[in-house]
Amino acid sequence: MLYVYETRRKTSTTSMTRTTAARVAGFTFLFYIAVGISSMAGAFRGPVAEVARYAQNASAVILALTLFMVTRVEQSVLAALGMIFRLAEGTLGSVLDLTGTILSQRLLVVATLFAIGSTFFCWLLLRGRMLPRGLALVGVIASVILVIGLPLQLGGLLGPPLTMLMWMPMLAFEVPGGLWLLVKGVPSEVGELVS
């Protein structure tokens, strides 16, 4: 009898942790997008631009950890791979800044790491029914577009306006996906359908 109680208690704690992680991930998605778009628009200058860059790097690390916590119940190896690529995205920029190392096409390299990590996480969000099916599918497709397009851009085989347009599906996923996770979280039970 004690064993059953302990198992239920453990599951409840795990669910609470997944829900909290999902909500933190949702907020972080929205913050990451707001800072990223503001940076691309030139809203930040001087020291504020550096702070914004570190905020984006920190957001990538937070997303790596929270999305891993949310998706590992579906398939832990793929969740770990997603986490590794998103951690690399978040730490590479900071390490380069701190060491003064110059990397040609740095933003494209970091964006490619983002896209690969996002592909793993979006697939798990779709497979685990943690987001509405259509929304999660948009995330998978958007991630795959970037996984293909960014190396082509890096190699000089893809240019404007396609290089800007290829980000639109990701924006169409991350804003509603971030809002969904922030407001609704994820199903508390593995296999429970999202309504």
C-alpha atoms as a PDB file:
ATOM      1  CA  MET A   1       0.000   0.000   0.000  1.00  0.00           C
ATOM      2  CA  LEU A   2       2.826   2.403   0.848  1.00  0.00           C
ATOM      3  CA  TYR A   3       4.469   1.578  -2.482  1.00  0.00           C
ATOM      4  CA  VAL A   4       1.355   2.624  -4.432  1.00  0.00           C
ATOM      5  CA  TYR A   5       1.138   5.896  -2.503  1.00  0.00           C
ATOM      6  CA  GLU A   6       4.820   6.662  -3.144  1.00  0.00           C
ATOM      7  CA  THR A   7       4.428   5.943  -6.878  1.00  0.00           C
ATOM      8  CA  ARG A   8       1.416   8.267  -7.152  1.00  0.00           C
ATOM      9  CA  ARG A   9       3.200  10.961  -5.197  1.00  0.00           C
ATOM     10  CA  LYS A  10       6.260  10.692  -7.423  1.00  0.00           C
ATOM     11  CA  THR A  11       4.118  10.907 -10.594  1.00  0.00           C
ATOM     12  CA  SER A  12       2.323  13.985  -9.244  1.00  0.00           C
ATOM     13  CA  THR A  13       5.637  15.695  -8.516  1.00  0.00           C
ATOM     14  CA  THR A  14       6.952  14.803 -11.982  1.00  0.00           C
ATOM     15  CA  SER A  15       3.793  16.165 -13.598  1.00  0.00           C
ATOM     16  CA  MET A  16       4.055  19.372 -11.636  1.00  0.00           C
ATOM     17  CA  THR A  17       7.664  19.735 -12.717  1.00  0.00           C
ATOM     18  CA  ARG A  18       6.757  19.152 -16.393  1.00  0.00           C
ATOM     19  CA  THR A  19       3.946  21.687 -16.193  1.00  0.00           C
ATOM     20  CA  THR A  20       6.200  24.275 -14.582  1.00  0.00           C
ATOM     21  CA  ALA A  21       8.950  23.551 -17.123  1.00  0.00           C
ATOM     22  CA  ALA A  22       6.432  23.931 -19.977  1.00  0.00           C
ATOM     23  CA  ARG A  23       5.274  27.298 -18.650  1.00  0.00           C
ATOM     24  CA  VAL A  24       8.845  28.528 -18.207  1.00  0.00           C
ATOM     25  CA  ALA A  25       9.597  27.334 -21.755  1.00  0.00           C
ATOM     26  CA  GLY A  26       6.531  29.181 -23.055  1.00  0.00           C
ATOM     27  CA  PHE A  27       7.595  32.451 -21.440  1.00  0.00           C
ATOM     28  CA  THR A  28      11.178  31.946 -22.628  1.00  0.00           C
ATOM     29  CA  PHE A  29      10.060  31.311 -26.239  1.00  0.00           C
ATOM     30  CA  LEU A  30       8.228  34.641 -26.231  1.00  0.00           C
ATOM     31  CA  PHE A  31      11.100  36.503 -24.550  1.00  0.00           C
ATOM     32  CA  TYR A  32      13.640  34.955 -26.965  1.00  0.00           C
ATOM     33  CA  ILE A  33      11.555  36.022 -29.973  1.00  0.00           C
ATOM     34  CA  ALA A  34      10.995  39.564 -28.678  1.00  0.00           C
ATOM     35  CA  VAL A  35      14.694  40.116 -27.981  1.00  0.00           C
ATOM     36  CA  GLY A  36      15.740  38.462 -31.252  1.00  0.00           C
ATOM     37  CA  ILE A  37      13.405  40.503 -33.447  1.00  0.00           C
ATOM     38  CA  SER A  38      14.300  43.706 -31.592  1.00  0.00           C
ATOM     39  CA  SER A  39      18.011  42.956 -32.094  1.00  0.00           C
ATOM     40  CA  MET A  40      17.552  42.289 -35.818  1.00  0.00           C
ATOM     41  CA  ALA A  41      15.602  45.556 -36.141  1.00  0.00           C
ATOM     42  CA  GLY A  42      18.539  47.436 -34.562  1.00  0.00           C
ATOM     43  CA  ALA A  43      16.651  48.423 -31.415  1.00  0.00           C
ATOM     44  CA  PHE A  44      19.704  47.808 -29.230  1.00  0.00           C
ATOM     45  CA  ARG A  45      23.018  49.648 -29.462  1.00  0.00           C
ATOM     46  CA  GLY A  46      26.310  49.512 -27.560  1.00  0.00           C
ATOM     47  CA  PRO A  47      26.296  47.787 -24.167  1.00  0.00           C
ATOM     48  CA  VAL A  48      22.533  47.153 -24.382  1.00  0.00           C
ATOM     49  CA  ALA A  49      23.114  45.132 -27.561  1.00  0.00           C
ATOM     50  CA  GLU A  50      25.629  42.975 -25.685  1.00  0.00           C
ATOM     51  CA  VAL A  51      23.174  42.417 -22.837  1.00  0.00           C
ATOM     52  CA  ALA A  52      20.510  41.467 -25.392  1.00  0.00           C
ATOM     53  CA  ARG A  53      22.892  38.951 -26.982  1.00  0.00           C
ATOM     54  CA  TYR A  54      23.628  37.371 -23.587  1.00  0.00           C
ATOM     55  CA  ALA A  55      19.893  37.336 -22.817  1.00  0.00           C
ATOM     56  CA  GLN A  56      19.283  35.397 -26.034  1.00  0.00           C
ATOM     57  CA  ASN A  57      22.069  32.960 -25.177  1.00  0.00           C
ATOM     58  CA  ALA A  58      20.648  32.456 -21.688  1.00  0.00           C
ATOM     59  CA  SER A  59      17.186  31.948 -23.196  1.00  0.00           C
ATOM     60  CA  ALA A  60      18.533  29.201 -25.460  1.00  0.00           C
ATOM     61  CA  VAL A  61      20.041  27.440 -22.425  1.00  0.00           C
ATOM     62  CA  ILE A  62      16.784  27.766 -20.464  1.00  0.00           C
ATOM     63  CA  LEU A  63      14.824  26.418 -23.436  1.00  0.00           C
ATOM     64  CA  ALA A  64      17.258  23.509 -23.777  1.00  0.00           C
ATOM     65  CA  LEU A  65      16.730  22.490 -20.162  1.00  0.00           C
ATOM     66  CA  THR A  66      12.982  23.107 -19.907  1.00  0.00           C
ATOM     67  CA  LEU A  67      12.117  21.480 -23.237  1.00  0.00           C
ATOM     68  CA  PHE A  68      14.222  18.488 -22.237  1.00  0.00           C
ATOM     69  CA  MET A  69      12.228  18.184 -18.999  1.00  0.00           C
ATOM     70  CA  VAL A  70       8.969  18.398 -20.941  1.00  0.00           C
ATOM     71  CA  THR A  71       9.820  16.006 -23.788  1.00  0.00           C
ATOM     72  CA  ARG A  72      12.033  13.368 -22.153  1.00  0.00           C
ATOM     73  CA  VAL A  73       8.959  11.329 -21.165  1.00  0.00           C
ATOM     74  CA  GLU A  74       8.315  10.706 -24.859  1.00  0.00           C
ATOM     75  CA  GLN A  75      11.814   9.617 -25.900  1.00  0.00           C
ATOM     76  CA  SER A  76      14.764  10.480 -23.689  1.00  0.00           C
ATOM     77  CA  VAL A  77      17.528  10.037 -26.290  1.00  0.00           C
ATOM     78  CA  LEU A  78      15.920  12.411 -28.813  1.00  0.00           C
ATOM     79  CA  ALA A  79      15.146  14.859 -25.996  1.00  0.00           C
ATOM     80  CA  ALA A  80      18.814  14.719 -24.922  1.00  0.00           C
ATOM     81  CA  LEU A  81      19.949  15.377 -28.509  1.00  0.00           C
ATOM     82  CA  GLY A  82      17.615  18.364 -28.728  1.00  0.00           C
ATOM     83  CA  MET A  83      18.996  19.637 -25.447  1.00  0.00           C
ATOM     84  CA  ILE A  84      22.607  19.225 -26.591  1.00  0.00           C
ATOM     85  CA  PHE A  85      22.050  21.251 -29.770  1.00  0.00           C
ATOM     86  CA  ARG A  86      20.109  23.996 -27.964  1.00  0.00           C
ATOM     87  CA  LEU A  87      22.809  24.123 -25.236  1.00  0.00           C
ATOM     88  CA  ALA A  88      25.447  24.441 -27.962  1.00  0.00           C
ATOM     89  CA  GLU A  89      23.407  27.267 -29.498  1.00  0.00           C
ATOM     90  CA  GLY A  90      23.258  29.108 -26.188  1.00  0.00           C
ATOM     91  CA  THR A  91      26.820  28.568 -25.069  1.00  0.00           C
ATOM     92  CA  LEU A  92      28.717  28.941 -28.349  1.00  0.00           C
ATOM     93  CA  GLY A  93      27.993  32.653 -28.650  1.00  0.00           C
ATOM     94  CA  SER A  94      28.949  33.374 -25.057  1.00  0.00           C
ATOM     95  CA  VAL A  95      32.143  31.337 -25.276  1.00  0.00           C
ATOM     96  CA  LEU A  96      33.137  33.137 -28.483  1.00  0.00           C
ATOM     97  CA  ASP A  97      32.388  36.523 -26.896  1.00  0.00           C
ATOM     98  CA  LEU A  98      34.308  35.761 -23.718  1.00  0.00           C
ATOM     99  CA  THR A  99      37.349  34.354 -25.527  1.00  0.00           C
ATOM    100  CA  GLY A 100      37.361  36.995 -28.272  1.00  0.00           C
ATOM    101  CA  THR A 101      37.291  34.280 -30.923  1.00  0.00           C
ATOM    102  CA  ILE A 102      36.021  35.307 -34.340  1.00  0.00           C
ATOM    103  CA  LEU A 103      33.866  32.807 -36.231  1.00  0.00           C
ATOM    104  CA  SER A 104      32.949  33.435 -39.829  1.00  0.00           C
ATOM    105  CA  GLN A 105      29.173  33.322 -40.278  1.00  0.00           C
ATOM    106  CA  ARG A 106      28.674  32.959 -36.529  1.00  0.00           C
ATOM    107  CA  LEU A 107      24.940  33.731 -36.608  1.00  0.00           C
ATOM    108  CA  LEU A 108      24.306  31.091 -39.260  1.00  0.00           C
ATOM    109  CA  VAL A 109      26.242  28.458 -37.311  1.00  0.00           C
ATOM    110  CA  VAL A 110      24.290  29.253 -34.135  1.00  0.00           C
ATOM    111  CA  ALA A 111      21.013  29.304 -36.087  1.00  0.00           C
ATOM    112  CA  THR A 112      21.804  25.869 -37.526  1.00  0.00           C
ATOM    113  CA  LEU A 113      22.344  24.491 -34.024  1.00  0.00           C
ATOM    114  CA  PHE A 114      19.004  26.048 -33.059  1.00  0.00           C
ATOM    115  CA  ALA A 115      17.253  24.440 -36.038  1.00  0.00           C
ATOM    116  CA  ILE A 116      18.611  20.960 -35.331  1.00  0.00           C
ATOM    117  CA  GLY A 117      17.658  21.136 -31.646  1.00  0.00           C
ATOM    118  CA  SER A 118      14.253  22.534 -32.549  1.00  0.00           C
ATOM    119  CA  THR A 119      13.635  19.642 -34.945  1.00  0.00           C
ATOM    120  CA  PHE A 120      14.158  17.095 -32.163  1.00  0.00           C
ATOM    121  CA  PHE A 121      11.978  18.977 -29.683  1.00  0.00           C
ATOM    122  CA  CYS A 122       9.158  19.733 -32.129  1.00  0.00           C
ATOM    123  CA  TRP A 123       9.055  16.099 -33.220  1.00  0.00           C
ATOM    124  CA  LEU A 124       8.704  15.007 -29.599  1.00  0.00           C
ATOM    125  CA  LEU A 125       6.043  17.647 -28.911  1.00  0.00           C
ATOM    126  CA  LEU A 126       4.113  16.297 -31.908  1.00  0.00           C
ATOM    127  CA  ARG A 127       4.660  12.623 -31.142  1.00  0.00           C
ATOM    128  CA  GLY A 128       3.788  13.054 -27.467  1.00  0.00           C
ATOM    129  CA  ARG A 129       0.684  15.132 -28.255  1.00  0.00           C
ATOM    130  CA  MET A 130       1.959  17.833 -25.926  1.00  0.00           C
ATOM    131  CA  LEU A 131       0.756  20.615 -28.243  1.00  0.00           C
ATOM    132  CA  PRO A 132      -2.187  20.658 -30.656  1.00  0.00           C
ATOM    133  CA  ARG A 133      -1.278  18.444 -33.595  1.00  0.00           C
ATOM    134  CA  GLY A 134      -1.434  21.201 -36.228  1.00  0.00           C
ATOM    135  CA  LEU A 135       0.727  23.558 -34.199  1.00  0.00           C
ATOM    136  CA  ALA A 136       3.328  20.897 -33.427  1.00  0.00           C
ATOM    137  CA  LEU A 137       3.376  19.872 -37.112  1.00  0.00           C
ATOM    138  CA  VAL A 138       4.077  23.486 -38.112  1.00  0.00           C
ATOM    139  CA  GLY A 139       7.016  23.371 -35.677  1.00  0.00           C
ATOM    140  CA  VAL A 140       8.424  20.207 -37.249  1.00  0.00           C
ATOM    141  CA  ILE A 141       8.061  21.560 -40.791  1.00  0.00           C
ATOM    142  CA  ALA A 142       9.515  24.956 -39.835  1.00  0.00           C
ATOM    143  CA  SER A 143      12.502  23.288 -38.164  1.00  0.00           C
ATOM    144  CA  VAL A 144      13.195  21.042 -41.147  1.00  0.00           C
ATOM    145  CA  ILE A 145      12.991  24.036 -43.518  1.00  0.00           C
ATOM    146  CA  LEU A 146      15.703  25.722 -41.431  1.00  0.00           C
ATOM    147  CA  VAL A 147      17.830  22.571 -41.147  1.00  0.00           C
ATOM    148  CA  ILE A 148      17.895  22.473 -44.964  1.00  0.00           C
ATOM    149  CA  GLY A 149      17.955  26.215 -45.666  1.00  0.00           C
ATOM    150  CA  LEU A 150      20.573  27.439 -43.209  1.00  0.00           C
ATOM    151  CA  PRO A 151      23.436  25.252 -44.511  1.00  0.00           C
ATOM    152  CA  LEU A 152      22.471  26.333 -48.043  1.00  0.00           C
ATOM    153  CA  GLN A 153      22.669  29.954 -46.907  1.00  0.00           C
ATOM    154  CA  LEU A 154      25.966  29.246 -45.145  1.00  0.00           C
ATOM    155  CA  GLY A 155      27.325  27.816 -48.394  1.00  0.00           C
ATOM    156  CA  GLY A 156      26.152  30.834 -50.404  1.00  0.00           C
ATOM    157  CA  LEU A 157      23.555  28.821 -52.328  1.00  0.00           C
ATOM    158  CA  LEU A 158      20.529  30.599 -50.873  1.00  0.00           C
ATOM    159  CA  GLY A 159      20.040  34.343 -50.589  1.00  0.00           C
ATOM    160  CA  PRO A 160      17.422  37.008 -49.995  1.00  0.00           C
ATOM    161  CA  PRO A 161      14.426  37.065 -49.956  1.00  0.00           C
ATOM    162  CA  LEU A 162      14.295  33.298 -49.300  1.00  0.00           C
ATOM    163  CA  THR A 163      16.668  33.567 -46.350  1.00  0.00           C
ATOM    164  CA  MET A 164      14.177  35.853 -44.589  1.00  0.00           C
ATOM    165  CA  LEU A 165      11.063  33.979 -45.712  1.00  0.00           C
ATOM    166  CA  MET A 166      12.350  30.635 -44.414  1.00  0.00           C
ATOM    167  CA  TRP A 167      12.017  31.997 -40.849  1.00  0.00           C
ATOM    168  CA  MET A 168       8.292  32.800 -41.173  1.00  0.00           C
ATOM    169  CA  PRO A 169       7.042  29.247 -40.448  1.00  0.00           C
ATOM    170  CA  MET A 170       9.187  29.180 -37.288  1.00  0.00           C
ATOM    171  CA  LEU A 171       7.666  32.474 -36.178  1.00  0.00           C
ATOM    172  CA  ALA A 172       4.216  30.988 -36.906  1.00  0.00           C
ATOM    173  CA  PHE A 173       5.106  28.109 -34.575  1.00  0.00           C
ATOM    174  CA  GLU A 174       7.008  29.788 -31.751  1.00  0.00           C
ATOM    175  CA  VAL A 175       4.584  32.607 -30.925  1.00  0.00           C
ATOM    176  CA  PRO A 176       1.427  30.458 -30.590  1.00  0.00           C
ATOM    177  CA  GLY A 177       3.514  27.539 -29.241  1.00  0.00           C
ATOM    178  CA  GLY A 178       5.042  29.771 -26.586  1.00  0.00           C
ATOM    179  CA  LEU A 179       1.632  31.165 -25.658  1.00  0.00           C
ATOM    180  CA  TRP A 180       0.158  27.641 -25.477  1.00  0.00           C
ATOM    181  CA  LEU A 181       2.914  26.371 -23.203  1.00  0.00           C
ATOM    182  CA  LEU A 182       2.749  29.486 -21.024  1.00  0.00           C
ATOM    183  CA  VAL A 183      -1.021  29.334 -20.556  1.00  0.00           C
ATOM    184  CA  LYS A 184      -1.874  25.641 -20.805  1.00  0.00           C
ATOM    185  CA  GLY A 185       1.385  23.837 -20.081  1.00  0.00           C
ATOM    186  CA  VAL A 186       1.449  20.218 -21.192  1.00  0.00           C
ATOM    187  CA  PRO A 187      -0.799  17.273 -20.339  1.00  0.00           C
ATOM    188  CA  SER A 188      -0.027  16.054 -16.847  1.00  0.00           C
ATOM    189  CA  GLU A 189      -0.274  12.382 -17.795  1.00  0.00           C
ATOM    190  CA  VAL A 190       1.873  10.825 -20.497  1.00  0.00           C
ATOM    191  CA  GLY A 191      -0.364   9.957 -23.435  1.00  0.00           C
ATOM    192  CA  GLU A 192      -3.149  12.357 -22.349  1.00  0.00           C
ATOM    193  CA  LEU A 193      -4.454  14.224 -25.389  1.00  0.00           C
ATOM    194  CA  VAL A 194      -4.212  17.981 -25.713  1.00  0.00           C
ATOM    195  CA  SER A 195      -7.662  19.576 -26.031  1.00  0.00           C
END
